[in-house]
Amino acid sequence: MSYAKDHSGMYIAYVSLFLVALLLFGKTIYYCTLKVSTVDGPI
């Protein structure tokens, strides 16, 4: 368990990156399930 004590910053980075990935995945699902037929922006 000494690795976890010495590298606690890496665990924080991994958890934050995982949460950001979940947020972006949720936004992707949200935009894909919209009832609008056109999405603004380049295709």
Protein backbone atom coordinates (compact mmCIF):
# COMPACT_ATOMS: atom_id res chain seq x y z
CA MET A 1 0.00 0.00 0.00
CA SER A 2 3.03 2.29 0.08
CA TYR A 3 2.57 2.97 -3.64
CA ALA A 4 -0.84 4.49 -2.99
CA LYS A 5 0.62 6.75 -0.31
CA ASP A 6 3.52 7.87 -2.51
CA HIS A 7 1.49 8.39 -5.68
CA SER A 8 -1.85 9.68 -4.43
CA GLY A 9 -1.78 12.44 -7.07
CA MET A 10 -1.92 9.85 -9.83
CA TYR A 11 -5.08 8.35 -8.35
CA ILE A 12 -6.66 11.81 -8.23
CA ALA A 13 -5.68 12.39 -11.87
CA TYR A 14 -7.11 9.03 -12.96
CA VAL A 15 -10.39 9.58 -11.10
CA SER A 16 -10.79 13.11 -12.48
CA LEU A 17 -10.06 11.93 -16.03
CA PHE A 18 -12.59 9.12 -15.58
CA LEU A 19 -15.23 11.60 -14.41
CA VAL A 20 -14.51 13.91 -17.35
CA ALA A 21 -14.84 10.95 -19.73
CA LEU A 22 -18.19 10.03 -18.16
CA LEU A 23 -19.37 13.63 -18.52
CA LEU A 24 -18.39 13.77 -22.19
CA PHE A 25 -20.01 10.37 -22.82
CA GLY A 26 -23.21 11.60 -21.20
CA LYS A 27 -23.17 14.71 -23.39
CA THR A 28 -22.68 12.51 -26.46
CA ILE A 29 -25.67 10.34 -25.53
CA TYR A 30 -27.71 13.49 -24.84
CA TYR A 31 -26.91 15.04 -28.22
CA CYS A 32 -27.51 11.77 -30.06
CA THR A 33 -30.96 11.37 -28.51
CA LEU A 34 -32.19 14.90 -29.26
CA LYS A 35 -35.34 15.21 -31.35
CA VAL A 36 -33.73 17.81 -33.61
CA SER A 37 -32.78 16.58 -37.06
CA THR A 38 -29.89 19.02 -37.58
CA VAL A 39 -26.92 19.64 -35.34
CA ASP A 40 -25.21 23.02 -35.52
CA GLY A 41 -21.55 22.91 -36.46
CA PRO A 42 -19.34 21.32 -39.10
CA ILE A 43 -20.06 17.76 -40.15
